[in-house]
Structure formats: structure tokens, C-alpha cells
Amino acid sequence: MDLFDAIHRRRDVRAQFTGAPVPEDVLHRILTAAHAAPSVGYSQPWDFILVRDPDVRRRFHEHVRTERDTFAATLDGEAAQRFARIKIDGVLESSLSIVVTYDPARGGPAVLGRHAIADTGLYSVCLAIQNLWLAATAEGLGVGWVSFYREPWLADLLAVPEGIRPVAWLCVGPVTHLETVPDLARHGWRQQRPLADAVHQDRWGARDA
């Protein structure tokens, strides 16, 4: 698949997982792509926890549902109605979950390029996640990033050592299809912002004529 095709076909998948297994050679390719991401000071501060245990996934799913209810309670009226129609995870439907973590001590104590911007290590992990996501899309797989969880709770569930952050729980697997329009746009939660609104010339707020 062409890179630009993968970028524009990529979706945050929730309801389209088939439950079919991810072939080991495909999994290796997408993890290799993730591991090839750029990182500040070449620190490579990520790790990948492959979660297949049904009980672990069930417990995480229950936690996610609790957090969904917590968020839903903050909404009123039309926003509450829109959110009620949105599926927020594919934890049980997907065939595999990958939890991506961030180790701020990796490459230290002096991480080249991180002295002025501490978050560059976290940005590096996000680049690995994007590599994984695009590679999975090119392989015909779907990926869904679940963000309705509390970091300490997930760290305890997966025995993540103190000081290491779980950045993303990714649901991964074969799908029936990828939607042409992102879920949140289809459900009226948000619409795509025009590129022209995001581009500034030399300073904030200066636009093309």
C-alpha cells in the first residue's frame, strides 16, 4: 500500500474487528516498524506488551466501561445522546492488544536533545505508535487506541514497573472493513478541521492572502 493511502485509510477502529488471529509474521513486521521510529537521543524509550490473556482483557474492559460511565456523567443533553451512540473500544472483539509504554530513564541520565523539553521522550513513543498504526493499516489490520483508563490501574494490572508509563492500549486485528469517515465525524461528535485553519505563516495567526 502507498504511504499516503495508509495515512488516509487509517482509522481508530472499534466495531469492525473480526476476532481472527494476527499472523505471527505480520505481527513481527508491524512491531519492527514501530521499533524503527525516531526517538530523542536514540533512547528508544518504548516497550510493547502483547496482551492475549482473556481474563486480563476482560478486567481491562470492565475498567474501561467504568471510566466511560464516569465521562458520560459529565455530559448533558445532545452531547450525552451523541456519546451514547459511540462505541469506545474493541477490547473483547479484537484478537490482540498491544500496550505501549514509556521509560523516561532509558538512555539516561543524559538523553541527548531532551534537556530543554522533557516530553520529547513521550513524543518518541507516540511516533512508534504511529509507525505501528500505519504498518498495521498497510497490512490490512485495524487498530483502536483505548484511552478510557487510569494509568496507575493499568500499570498494576500488567505489573508495569514503577516509573514506566503505559501510554496506549491498542486493540489490533483483522477487520471487516475500515470506515471511509472517522467514527466521531460519522456520529456528529466532531468534524474535520480544514487544513487552512491550521497553517500559519511565520507567526501565529498570519494566514495566506
N, C-alpha and C. Protein backbone atom coordinates (compact mmCIF):
# COMPACT_ATOMS: atom_id res chain seq x y z
N MET A 1 0.84 -1.19 0.00
CA MET A 1 0.00 0.00 0.00
C MET A 1 0.88 1.24 0.00
N ASP A 2 0.52 2.24 -0.79
CA ASP A 2 1.22 3.50 -0.81
C ASP A 2 1.13 4.18 0.56
N LEU A 3 2.20 4.86 0.97
CA LEU A 3 2.23 5.50 2.28
C LEU A 3 1.06 6.47 2.46
N PHE A 4 0.79 7.28 1.44
CA PHE A 4 -0.29 8.26 1.58
C PHE A 4 -1.65 7.57 1.66
N ASP A 5 -1.79 6.43 0.98
CA ASP A 5 -3.03 5.66 1.11
C ASP A 5 -3.20 5.17 2.54
N ALA A 6 -2.12 4.66 3.14
CA ALA A 6 -2.19 4.16 4.51
C ALA A 6 -2.55 5.30 5.48
N ILE A 7 -1.95 6.48 5.27
CA ILE A 7 -2.23 7.61 6.15
C ILE A 7 -3.71 7.98 6.11
N HIS A 8 -4.28 8.01 4.92
CA HIS A 8 -5.67 8.46 4.80
C HIS A 8 -6.68 7.33 5.04
N ARG A 9 -6.28 6.08 4.90
CA ARG A 9 -7.19 4.96 5.18
C ARG A 9 -7.23 4.61 6.67
N ARG A 10 -6.16 4.96 7.41
CA ARG A 10 -6.07 4.62 8.83
C ARG A 10 -7.30 5.13 9.58
N ARG A 11 -7.83 4.28 10.44
CA ARG A 11 -8.97 4.65 11.28
C ARG A 11 -8.76 4.13 12.70
N ASP A 12 -9.41 4.80 13.64
CA ASP A 12 -9.42 4.33 15.02
C ASP A 12 -10.59 3.34 15.12
N VAL A 13 -10.27 2.05 15.09
CA VAL A 13 -11.28 1.01 14.90
C VAL A 13 -11.91 0.61 16.23
N ARG A 14 -13.22 0.42 16.22
CA ARG A 14 -13.96 0.00 17.40
C ARG A 14 -14.81 -1.25 17.12
N ALA A 15 -15.66 -1.15 16.10
CA ALA A 15 -16.71 -2.16 15.92
C ALA A 15 -16.46 -3.13 14.77
N GLN A 16 -15.36 -3.00 14.06
CA GLN A 16 -15.18 -3.78 12.84
C GLN A 16 -14.24 -4.99 12.99
N PHE A 17 -13.77 -5.27 14.20
CA PHE A 17 -12.86 -6.40 14.38
C PHE A 17 -13.58 -7.73 14.16
N THR A 18 -12.89 -8.66 13.49
CA THR A 18 -13.49 -9.97 13.22
C THR A 18 -13.14 -11.00 14.31
N GLY A 19 -12.07 -10.76 15.06
CA GLY A 19 -11.61 -11.73 16.05
C GLY A 19 -10.65 -12.75 15.49
N ALA A 20 -10.38 -12.71 14.19
CA ALA A 20 -9.42 -13.63 13.58
C ALA A 20 -8.01 -13.31 14.09
N PRO A 21 -7.15 -14.31 14.15
CA PRO A 21 -5.80 -14.09 14.70
C PRO A 21 -4.94 -13.23 13.76
N VAL A 22 -3.95 -12.60 14.36
CA VAL A 22 -2.95 -11.85 13.60
C VAL A 22 -1.79 -12.80 13.31
N PRO A 23 -1.49 -13.07 12.05
CA PRO A 23 -0.36 -13.98 11.75
C PRO A 23 0.94 -13.47 12.38
N GLU A 24 1.76 -14.40 12.85
CA GLU A 24 2.97 -14.02 13.56
C GLU A 24 3.93 -13.21 12.70
N ASP A 25 4.01 -13.52 11.40
CA ASP A 25 4.91 -12.76 10.54
C ASP A 25 4.42 -11.33 10.36
N VAL A 26 3.11 -11.16 10.31
CA VAL A 26 2.54 -9.81 10.20
C VAL A 26 2.78 -9.03 11.49
N LEU A 27 2.57 -9.68 12.63
CA LEU A 27 2.81 -9.03 13.92
C LEU A 27 4.26 -8.59 14.03
N HIS A 28 5.17 -9.45 13.59
CA HIS A 28 6.59 -9.10 13.65
C HIS A 28 6.88 -7.89 12.78
N ARG A 29 6.26 -7.81 11.61
CA ARG A 29 6.51 -6.68 10.72
C ARG A 29 6.01 -5.37 11.32
N ILE A 30 4.83 -5.39 11.95
CA ILE A 30 4.32 -4.12 12.47
C ILE A 30 5.08 -3.69 13.72
N LEU A 31 5.54 -4.66 14.52
CA LEU A 31 6.36 -4.31 15.68
C LEU A 31 7.72 -3.81 15.24
N THR A 32 8.27 -4.40 14.19
CA THR A 32 9.54 -3.92 13.64
C THR A 32 9.41 -2.50 13.13
N ALA A 33 8.28 -2.20 12.49
CA ALA A 33 8.04 -0.84 12.02
C ALA A 33 7.94 0.13 13.19
N ALA A 34 7.25 -0.28 14.25
CA ALA A 34 7.15 0.58 15.44
C ALA A 34 8.53 0.82 16.04
N HIS A 35 9.33 -0.22 16.11
CA HIS A 35 10.65 -0.14 16.72
C HIS A 35 11.63 0.68 15.88
N ALA A 36 11.28 0.94 14.64
CA ALA A 36 12.13 1.73 13.74
C ALA A 36 11.85 3.23 13.85
N ALA A 37 10.95 3.62 14.74
CA ALA A 37 10.58 5.03 14.87
C ALA A 37 11.77 5.86 15.36
N PRO A 38 11.79 7.14 14.99
CA PRO A 38 12.82 8.02 15.55
C PRO A 38 12.57 8.26 17.03
N SER A 39 13.66 8.52 17.77
CA SER A 39 13.50 8.80 19.20
C SER A 39 14.56 9.79 19.65
N VAL A 40 14.21 10.59 20.63
CA VAL A 40 15.12 11.62 21.12
C VAL A 40 16.37 10.96 21.68
N GLY A 41 17.53 11.42 21.26
CA GLY A 41 18.79 10.87 21.74
C GLY A 41 18.96 9.40 21.43
N TYR A 42 18.20 8.89 20.45
CA TYR A 42 18.20 7.46 20.12
C TYR A 42 17.96 6.61 21.36
N SER A 43 17.08 7.11 22.23
CA SER A 43 16.81 6.44 23.50
C SER A 43 15.89 5.24 23.37
N GLN A 44 15.07 5.21 22.32
CA GLN A 44 14.14 4.09 22.09
C GLN A 44 13.39 3.74 23.39
N PRO A 45 12.64 4.68 23.94
CA PRO A 45 12.10 4.52 25.29
C PRO A 45 10.82 3.70 25.39
N TRP A 46 10.48 2.99 24.33
CA TRP A 46 9.22 2.24 24.30
C TRP A 46 9.43 0.76 24.62
N ASP A 47 8.36 0.12 25.08
CA ASP A 47 8.26 -1.34 25.16
C ASP A 47 6.86 -1.70 24.72
N PHE A 48 6.68 -2.95 24.30
CA PHE A 48 5.40 -3.42 23.78
C PHE A 48 4.96 -4.65 24.56
N ILE A 49 3.83 -4.55 25.25
CA ILE A 49 3.28 -5.69 26.00
C ILE A 49 2.16 -6.29 25.15
N LEU A 50 2.34 -7.52 24.73
CA LEU A 50 1.33 -8.21 23.93
C LEU A 50 0.35 -8.89 24.88
N VAL A 51 -0.90 -8.46 24.83
CA VAL A 51 -1.91 -8.96 25.77
C VAL A 51 -2.89 -9.86 25.02
N ARG A 52 -2.81 -11.15 25.33
CA ARG A 52 -3.72 -12.13 24.72
C ARG A 52 -4.62 -12.80 25.76
N ASP A 53 -4.24 -12.74 27.02
CA ASP A 53 -4.96 -13.42 28.10
C ASP A 53 -6.40 -12.89 28.18
N PRO A 54 -7.41 -13.76 27.98
CA PRO A 54 -8.81 -13.30 28.00
C PRO A 54 -9.21 -12.68 29.33
N ASP A 55 -8.68 -13.19 30.44
CA ASP A 55 -9.06 -12.65 31.74
C ASP A 55 -8.51 -11.24 31.92
N VAL A 56 -7.28 -11.01 31.50
CA VAL A 56 -6.69 -9.67 31.59
C VAL A 56 -7.49 -8.69 30.74
N ARG A 57 -7.84 -9.12 29.55
CA ARG A 57 -8.60 -8.24 28.66
C ARG A 57 -9.99 -7.96 29.22
N ARG A 58 -10.61 -8.97 29.82
CA ARG A 58 -11.93 -8.77 30.42
C ARG A 58 -11.87 -7.78 31.56
N ARG A 59 -10.86 -7.91 32.41
CA ARG A 59 -10.72 -6.99 33.54
C ARG A 59 -10.47 -5.56 33.06
N PHE A 60 -9.66 -5.43 32.03
CA PHE A 60 -9.42 -4.09 31.48
C PHE A 60 -10.69 -3.53 30.89
N HIS A 61 -11.44 -4.37 30.19
CA HIS A 61 -12.69 -3.92 29.57
C HIS A 61 -13.66 -3.41 30.63
N GLU A 62 -13.75 -4.09 31.75
CA GLU A 62 -14.64 -3.65 32.83
C GLU A 62 -14.20 -2.29 33.37
N HIS A 63 -12.90 -2.09 33.49
CA HIS A 63 -12.38 -0.80 33.94
C HIS A 63 -12.73 0.30 32.94
N VAL A 64 -12.59 -0.01 31.66
CA VAL A 64 -12.92 0.96 30.60
C VAL A 64 -14.39 1.34 30.66
N ARG A 65 -15.25 0.37 30.90
CA ARG A 65 -16.69 0.68 30.97
C ARG A 65 -16.98 1.61 32.15
N THR A 66 -16.29 1.38 33.26
CA THR A 66 -16.47 2.26 34.43
C THR A 66 -16.04 3.69 34.09
N GLU A 67 -14.92 3.82 33.39
CA GLU A 67 -14.44 5.15 33.02
C GLU A 67 -15.35 5.80 31.98
N ARG A 68 -15.93 4.98 31.11
CA ARG A 68 -16.89 5.53 30.15
C ARG A 68 -18.07 6.14 30.90
N ASP A 69 -18.57 5.42 31.89
CA ASP A 69 -19.71 5.92 32.67
C ASP A 69 -19.34 7.22 33.40
N THR A 70 -18.10 7.28 33.89
CA THR A 70 -17.64 8.49 34.58
C THR A 70 -17.67 9.68 33.64
N PHE A 71 -17.18 9.49 32.41
CA PHE A 71 -17.19 10.57 31.43
C PHE A 71 -18.61 10.92 31.01
N ALA A 72 -19.43 9.90 30.78
CA ALA A 72 -20.80 10.13 30.34
C ALA A 72 -21.57 10.98 31.35
N ALA A 73 -21.26 10.83 32.61
CA ALA A 73 -21.96 11.58 33.66
C ALA A 73 -21.66 13.07 33.59
N THR A 74 -20.62 13.46 32.88
CA THR A 74 -20.28 14.88 32.75
C THR A 74 -21.01 15.55 31.58
N LEU A 75 -21.74 14.77 30.78
CA LEU A 75 -22.39 15.29 29.58
C LEU A 75 -23.87 15.53 29.82
N ASP A 76 -24.38 16.49 29.09
CA ASP A 76 -25.81 16.80 29.17
C ASP A 76 -26.41 16.85 27.77
N GLY A 77 -27.72 16.65 27.71
CA GLY A 77 -28.49 16.91 26.51
C GLY A 77 -28.00 16.21 25.27
N GLU A 78 -27.80 16.99 24.20
CA GLU A 78 -27.44 16.42 22.89
C GLU A 78 -26.08 15.74 22.93
N ALA A 79 -25.14 16.31 23.68
CA ALA A 79 -23.82 15.69 23.77
C ALA A 79 -23.91 14.30 24.40
N ALA A 80 -24.73 14.16 25.43
CA ALA A 80 -24.92 12.85 26.07
C ALA A 80 -25.55 11.86 25.11
N GLN A 81 -26.51 12.32 24.31
CA GLN A 81 -27.16 11.44 23.33
C GLN A 81 -26.18 10.99 22.25
N ARG A 82 -25.34 11.92 21.79
CA ARG A 82 -24.35 11.56 20.77
C ARG A 82 -23.35 10.55 21.33
N PHE A 83 -22.88 10.81 22.55
CA PHE A 83 -21.88 9.92 23.14
C PHE A 83 -22.45 8.53 23.37
N ALA A 84 -23.71 8.43 23.70
CA ALA A 84 -24.33 7.13 23.96
C ALA A 84 -24.28 6.23 22.73
N ARG A 85 -24.20 6.83 21.55
CA ARG A 85 -24.17 6.04 20.30
C ARG A 85 -22.76 5.62 19.90
N ILE A 86 -21.75 6.13 20.59
CA ILE A 86 -20.36 5.90 20.18
C ILE A 86 -19.77 4.72 20.94
N LYS A 87 -19.26 3.76 20.20
CA LYS A 87 -18.54 2.63 20.80
C LYS A 87 -17.10 3.08 21.03
N ILE A 88 -16.59 2.90 22.24
CA ILE A 88 -15.29 3.46 22.57
C ILE A 88 -14.15 2.45 22.57
N ASP A 89 -14.43 1.17 22.41
CA ASP A 89 -13.33 0.21 22.44
C ASP A 89 -13.71 -1.08 21.72
N GLY A 90 -12.66 -1.83 21.34
CA GLY A 90 -12.83 -3.15 20.75
C GLY A 90 -12.00 -4.16 21.51
N VAL A 91 -11.90 -3.97 22.83
CA VAL A 91 -11.01 -4.79 23.65
C VAL A 91 -11.36 -6.27 23.55
N LEU A 92 -12.63 -6.61 23.62
CA LEU A 92 -13.03 -8.02 23.60
C LEU A 92 -13.16 -8.57 22.19
N GLU A 93 -13.45 -7.70 21.22
CA GLU A 93 -13.67 -8.15 19.85
C GLU A 93 -12.38 -8.35 19.07
N SER A 94 -11.35 -7.57 19.38
CA SER A 94 -10.08 -7.69 18.66
C SER A 94 -9.36 -8.95 19.09
N SER A 95 -8.44 -9.42 18.25
CA SER A 95 -7.75 -10.66 18.54
C SER A 95 -6.51 -10.48 19.41
N LEU A 96 -6.04 -9.24 19.54
CA LEU A 96 -4.80 -8.97 20.25
C LEU A 96 -4.83 -7.55 20.77
N SER A 97 -4.21 -7.33 21.91
CA SER A 97 -3.99 -5.97 22.39
C SER A 97 -2.49 -5.76 22.57
N ILE A 98 -2.04 -4.55 22.26
CA ILE A 98 -0.64 -4.17 22.43
C ILE A 98 -0.62 -2.92 23.30
N VAL A 99 0.02 -3.03 24.45
CA VAL A 99 0.17 -1.87 25.33
C VAL A 99 1.58 -1.32 25.13
N VAL A 100 1.63 -0.05 24.78
CA VAL A 100 2.91 0.61 24.52
C VAL A 100 3.26 1.47 25.73
N THR A 101 4.48 1.30 26.24
CA THR A 101 4.89 2.01 27.45
C THR A 101 6.05 2.96 27.17
N TYR A 102 6.27 3.86 28.13
CA TYR A 102 7.35 4.85 28.04
C TYR A 102 8.23 4.75 29.28
N ASP A 103 9.54 4.56 29.06
CA ASP A 103 10.51 4.51 30.14
C ASP A 103 11.38 5.76 30.07
N PRO A 104 11.12 6.77 30.94
CA PRO A 104 11.88 8.01 30.89
C PRO A 104 13.34 7.85 31.30
N ALA A 105 13.70 6.72 31.93
CA ALA A 105 15.08 6.50 32.35
C ALA A 105 15.93 5.88 31.24
N ARG A 106 15.29 5.39 30.19
CA ARG A 106 16.03 4.74 29.13
C ARG A 106 16.93 5.74 28.42
N GLY A 107 18.19 5.38 28.24
CA GLY A 107 19.13 6.26 27.56
C GLY A 107 19.73 7.31 28.45
N GLY A 108 19.34 7.33 29.73
CA GLY A 108 19.80 8.37 30.65
C GLY A 108 21.11 8.03 31.33
N PRO A 109 21.57 8.93 32.22
CA PRO A 109 20.83 10.11 32.70
C PRO A 109 20.82 11.29 31.73
N ALA A 110 21.77 11.34 30.79
CA ALA A 110 21.83 12.46 29.86
C ALA A 110 21.29 12.01 28.51
N VAL A 111 20.02 12.34 28.23
CA VAL A 111 19.41 11.98 26.95
C VAL A 111 19.63 13.16 26.00
N LEU A 112 20.39 12.93 24.97
CA LEU A 112 20.74 13.99 24.03
C LEU A 112 19.48 14.56 23.40
N GLY A 113 19.26 15.88 23.58
CA GLY A 113 18.12 16.53 22.97
C GLY A 113 16.91 16.67 23.88
N ARG A 114 16.96 16.09 25.09
CA ARG A 114 15.79 16.13 25.97
C ARG A 114 15.95 17.13 27.10
N HIS A 115 17.10 17.79 27.21
CA HIS A 115 17.39 18.62 28.37
C HIS A 115 16.45 19.80 28.50
N ALA A 116 15.96 20.33 27.36
CA ALA A 116 15.11 21.52 27.41
C ALA A 116 13.62 21.19 27.30
N ILE A 117 13.30 20.04 26.73
CA ILE A 117 11.90 19.65 26.53
C ILE A 117 11.74 18.22 27.04
N ALA A 118 11.29 18.09 28.27
CA ALA A 118 11.21 16.77 28.90
C ALA A 118 10.30 15.81 28.15
N ASP A 119 9.27 16.34 27.50
CA ASP A 119 8.27 15.48 26.86
C ASP A 119 8.74 14.87 25.55
N THR A 120 9.95 15.19 25.09
CA THR A 120 10.39 14.61 23.81
C THR A 120 10.47 13.08 23.88
N GLY A 121 10.72 12.54 25.07
CA GLY A 121 10.70 11.08 25.20
C GLY A 121 9.31 10.52 24.97
N LEU A 122 8.31 11.20 25.52
CA LEU A 122 6.92 10.78 25.32
C LEU A 122 6.52 10.94 23.85
N TYR A 123 6.98 12.04 23.22
CA TYR A 123 6.71 12.22 21.79
C TYR A 123 7.29 11.05 20.99
N SER A 124 8.46 10.57 21.40
CA SER A 124 9.11 9.46 20.69
C SER A 124 8.23 8.22 20.72
N VAL A 125 7.63 7.95 21.88
CA VAL A 125 6.73 6.80 21.99
C VAL A 125 5.54 6.95 21.06
N CYS A 126 5.01 8.17 20.96
CA CYS A 126 3.88 8.41 20.06
C CYS A 126 4.27 8.18 18.60
N LEU A 127 5.52 8.48 18.24
CA LEU A 127 5.98 8.20 16.89
C LEU A 127 6.01 6.69 16.63
N ALA A 128 6.43 5.91 17.64
CA ALA A 128 6.42 4.45 17.49
C ALA A 128 4.99 3.94 17.31
N ILE A 129 4.05 4.53 18.05
CA ILE A 129 2.65 4.13 17.93
C ILE A 129 2.14 4.44 16.53
N GLN A 130 2.48 5.62 16.00
CA GLN A 130 2.03 5.96 14.66
C GLN A 130 2.63 5.02 13.62
N ASN A 131 3.92 4.68 13.76
CA ASN A 131 4.52 3.71 12.85
C ASN A 131 3.77 2.39 12.88
N LEU A 132 3.48 1.92 14.09
CA LEU A 132 2.75 0.66 14.24
C LEU A 132 1.39 0.75 13.55
N TRP A 133 0.71 1.86 13.76
CA TRP A 133 -0.65 2.03 13.24
C TRP A 133 -0.65 2.03 11.71
N LEU A 134 0.29 2.76 11.11
CA LEU A 134 0.34 2.82 9.65
C LEU A 134 0.76 1.47 9.07
N ALA A 135 1.71 0.80 9.71
CA ALA A 135 2.11 -0.52 9.23
C ALA A 135 0.96 -1.50 9.31
N ALA A 136 0.21 -1.47 10.41
CA ALA A 136 -0.96 -2.35 10.55
C ALA A 136 -1.99 -2.06 9.46
N THR A 137 -2.21 -0.78 9.18
CA THR A 137 -3.15 -0.41 8.12
C THR A 137 -2.69 -0.96 6.78
N ALA A 138 -1.39 -0.83 6.50
CA ALA A 138 -0.84 -1.35 5.24
C ALA A 138 -0.98 -2.87 5.15
N GLU A 139 -1.01 -3.54 6.31
CA GLU A 139 -1.16 -5.00 6.35
C GLU A 139 -2.62 -5.42 6.33
N GLY A 140 -3.55 -4.46 6.27
CA GLY A 140 -4.97 -4.79 6.24
C GLY A 140 -5.58 -5.01 7.61
N LEU A 141 -4.89 -4.57 8.67
CA LEU A 141 -5.40 -4.73 10.02
C LEU A 141 -6.00 -3.42 10.52
N GLY A 142 -6.84 -3.53 11.53
CA GLY A 142 -7.37 -2.37 12.20
C GLY A 142 -6.68 -2.18 13.54
N VAL A 143 -6.64 -0.92 13.99
CA VAL A 143 -6.07 -0.58 15.29
C VAL A 143 -7.03 0.39 15.97
N GLY A 144 -7.25 0.18 17.26
CA GLY A 144 -8.07 1.10 18.04
C GLY A 144 -7.34 1.48 19.32
N TRP A 145 -7.15 2.77 19.53
CA TRP A 145 -6.45 3.28 20.72
C TRP A 145 -7.48 3.53 21.81
N VAL A 146 -7.38 2.80 22.90
CA VAL A 146 -8.31 2.95 24.03
C VAL A 146 -7.68 3.91 25.05
N SER A 147 -8.40 4.96 25.38
CA SER A 147 -7.85 5.95 26.31
C SER A 147 -8.72 6.15 27.55
N PHE A 148 -9.75 5.33 27.72
CA PHE A 148 -10.61 5.43 28.90
C PHE A 148 -10.07 4.53 30.01
N TYR A 149 -8.93 4.92 30.58
CA TYR A 149 -8.38 4.14 31.69
C TYR A 149 -7.50 5.04 32.55
N ARG A 150 -7.25 4.60 33.76
CA ARG A 150 -6.35 5.30 34.68
C ARG A 150 -4.98 4.62 34.62
N GLU A 151 -3.96 5.41 34.40
CA GLU A 151 -2.62 4.84 34.24
C GLU A 151 -2.18 3.97 35.41
N PRO A 152 -2.34 4.41 36.67
CA PRO A 152 -1.90 3.54 37.78
C PRO A 152 -2.63 2.20 37.79
N TRP A 153 -3.92 2.22 37.45
CA TRP A 153 -4.70 0.98 37.43
C TRP A 153 -4.14 0.02 36.39
N LEU A 154 -3.86 0.53 35.19
CA LEU A 154 -3.35 -0.34 34.13
C LEU A 154 -1.94 -0.82 34.46
N ALA A 155 -1.13 0.04 35.02
CA ALA A 155 0.22 -0.37 35.40
C ALA A 155 0.17 -1.52 36.40
N ASP A 156 -0.76 -1.45 37.34
CA ASP A 156 -0.91 -2.52 38.32
C ASP A 156 -1.41 -3.80 37.66
N LEU A 157 -2.35 -3.67 36.74
CA LEU A 157 -2.89 -4.86 36.06
C LEU A 157 -1.81 -5.62 35.32
N LEU A 158 -0.88 -4.90 34.69
CA LEU A 158 0.13 -5.53 33.83
C LEU A 158 1.49 -5.63 34.50
N ALA A 159 1.56 -5.33 35.79
CA ALA A 159 2.82 -5.41 36.54
C ALA A 159 3.91 -4.55 35.91
N VAL A 160 3.52 -3.37 35.45
CA VAL A 160 4.48 -2.43 34.87
C VAL A 160 5.31 -1.84 36.00
N PRO A 161 6.63 -1.85 35.88
CA PRO A 161 7.48 -1.33 36.97
C PRO A 161 7.23 0.15 37.25
N GLU A 162 7.48 0.54 38.48
CA GLU A 162 7.31 1.93 38.89
C GLU A 162 8.19 2.84 38.02
N GLY A 163 7.63 3.96 37.63
CA GLY A 163 8.37 4.92 36.81
C GLY A 163 8.16 4.76 35.33
N ILE A 164 7.57 3.65 34.90
CA ILE A 164 7.29 3.43 33.48
C ILE A 164 5.80 3.67 33.24
N ARG A 165 5.50 4.48 32.22
CA ARG A 165 4.12 4.87 31.96
C ARG A 165 3.49 4.02 30.86
N PRO A 166 2.29 3.47 31.07
CA PRO A 166 1.54 2.88 29.95
C PRO A 166 0.90 4.01 29.15
N VAL A 167 1.34 4.17 27.91
CA VAL A 167 0.90 5.30 27.09
C VAL A 167 -0.33 4.95 26.26
N ALA A 168 -0.41 3.73 25.78
CA ALA A 168 -1.52 3.37 24.90
C ALA A 168 -1.87 1.90 25.02
N TRP A 169 -3.17 1.63 25.10
CA TRP A 169 -3.69 0.26 24.92
C TRP A 169 -4.25 0.24 23.51
N LEU A 170 -3.64 -0.56 22.64
CA LEU A 170 -4.05 -0.64 21.25
C LEU A 170 -4.72 -1.98 20.98
N CYS A 171 -5.95 -1.95 20.49
CA CYS A 171 -6.64 -3.15 20.03
C CYS A 171 -6.23 -3.38 18.58
N VAL A 172 -5.80 -4.59 18.26
CA VAL A 172 -5.25 -4.87 16.93
C VAL A 172 -5.86 -6.15 16.39
N GLY A 173 -6.18 -6.16 15.10
CA GLY A 173 -6.67 -7.39 14.50
C GLY A 173 -7.28 -7.18 13.13
N PRO A 174 -7.57 -8.29 12.44
CA PRO A 174 -8.27 -8.20 11.16
C PRO A 174 -9.65 -7.55 11.34
N VAL A 175 -10.10 -6.88 10.31
CA VAL A 175 -11.38 -6.17 10.36
C VAL A 175 -12.22 -6.51 9.13
N THR A 176 -13.52 -6.30 9.25
CA THR A 176 -14.39 -6.49 8.09
C THR A 176 -14.15 -5.40 7.05
N HIS A 177 -13.86 -4.20 7.53
CA HIS A 177 -13.60 -3.06 6.66
C HIS A 177 -13.11 -1.90 7.51
N LEU A 178 -12.58 -0.88 6.86
CA LEU A 178 -12.25 0.38 7.51
C LEU A 178 -13.23 1.42 7.03
N GLU A 179 -13.83 2.13 7.95
CA GLU A 179 -14.81 3.16 7.58
C GLU A 179 -14.14 4.25 6.74
N THR A 180 -14.87 4.80 5.79
CA THR A 180 -14.32 5.88 4.98
C THR A 180 -14.32 7.20 5.74
N VAL A 181 -15.21 7.33 6.73
CA VAL A 181 -15.29 8.54 7.55
C VAL A 181 -15.02 8.14 9.01
N PRO A 182 -14.15 8.88 9.72
CA PRO A 182 -13.88 8.55 11.12
C PRO A 182 -15.16 8.48 11.96
N ASP A 183 -15.16 7.59 12.95
CA ASP A 183 -16.35 7.36 13.78
C ASP A 183 -16.90 8.64 14.40
N LEU A 184 -16.03 9.46 14.98
CA LEU A 184 -16.53 10.64 15.68
C LEU A 184 -17.15 11.65 14.72
N ALA A 185 -16.67 11.66 13.49
CA ALA A 185 -17.31 12.52 12.49
C ALA A 185 -18.65 11.92 12.06
N ARG A 186 -18.69 10.60 11.88
CA ARG A 186 -19.94 9.94 11.46
C ARG A 186 -21.04 10.13 12.49
N HIS A 187 -20.64 10.14 13.77
CA HIS A 187 -21.64 10.27 14.85
C HIS A 187 -21.89 11.73 15.24
N GLY A 188 -21.27 12.66 14.53
CA GLY A 188 -21.53 14.07 14.78
C GLY A 188 -20.85 14.64 16.00
N TRP A 189 -19.84 13.93 16.52
CA TRP A 189 -19.14 14.44 17.71
C TRP A 189 -18.21 15.59 17.34
N ARG A 190 -17.41 15.41 16.29
CA ARG A 190 -16.52 16.45 15.78
C ARG A 190 -16.39 16.27 14.27
N GLN A 191 -16.11 17.36 13.57
CA GLN A 191 -15.85 17.29 12.15
C GLN A 191 -14.40 17.69 11.88
N GLN A 192 -13.90 17.28 10.74
CA GLN A 192 -12.51 17.57 10.42
C GLN A 192 -12.28 19.07 10.27
N ARG A 193 -11.22 19.54 10.88
CA ARG A 193 -10.84 20.94 10.78
C ARG A 193 -10.14 21.19 9.45
N PRO A 194 -10.50 22.21 8.71
CA PRO A 194 -9.83 22.49 7.44
C PRO A 194 -8.34 22.72 7.63
N LEU A 195 -7.53 22.18 6.72
CA LEU A 195 -6.09 22.36 6.81
C LEU A 195 -5.72 23.84 6.84
N ALA A 196 -6.41 24.65 6.07
CA ALA A 196 -6.08 26.08 6.01
C ALA A 196 -6.19 26.75 7.37
N ASP A 197 -7.07 26.24 8.25
CA ASP A 197 -7.21 26.82 9.59
C ASP A 197 -6.04 26.48 10.49
N ALA A 198 -5.26 25.47 10.11
CA ALA A 198 -4.16 25.01 10.95
C ALA A 198 -2.80 25.53 10.50
N VAL A 199 -2.76 26.21 9.35
CA VAL A 199 -1.47 26.65 8.79
C VAL A 199 -1.28 28.14 9.05
N HIS A 200 -0.15 28.48 9.66
CA HIS A 200 0.20 29.87 9.96
C HIS A 200 1.49 30.21 9.22
N GLN A 201 1.67 31.46 8.85
CA GLN A 201 2.85 31.89 8.12
C GLN A 201 3.74 32.76 9.00
N ASP A 202 4.88 32.22 9.40
CA ASP A 202 5.92 32.92 10.17
C ASP A 202 5.55 33.22 11.61
N ARG A 203 4.29 33.53 11.89
CA ARG A 203 3.88 33.77 13.27
C ARG A 203 2.40 33.37 13.42
N TRP A 204 1.99 33.16 14.67
CA TRP A 204 0.63 32.69 14.94
C TRP A 204 -0.40 33.68 14.39
N GLY A 205 -1.37 33.13 13.65
CA GLY A 205 -2.48 33.92 13.17
C GLY A 205 -2.27 34.54 11.81
N ALA A 206 -1.05 34.49 11.27
CA ALA A 206 -0.79 35.05 9.93
C ALA A 206 -1.14 34.00 8.89
N ARG A 207 -2.08 34.32 8.02
CA ARG A 207 -2.56 33.37 7.01
C ARG A 207 -2.16 33.82 5.62
N ASP A 208 -2.27 32.88 4.69
CA ASP A 208 -2.09 33.24 3.28
C ASP A 208 -3.17 34.23 2.86
N ALA A 209 -2.83 35.06 1.93
CA ALA A 209 -3.81 36.02 1.40
C ALA A 209 -4.91 35.26 0.68
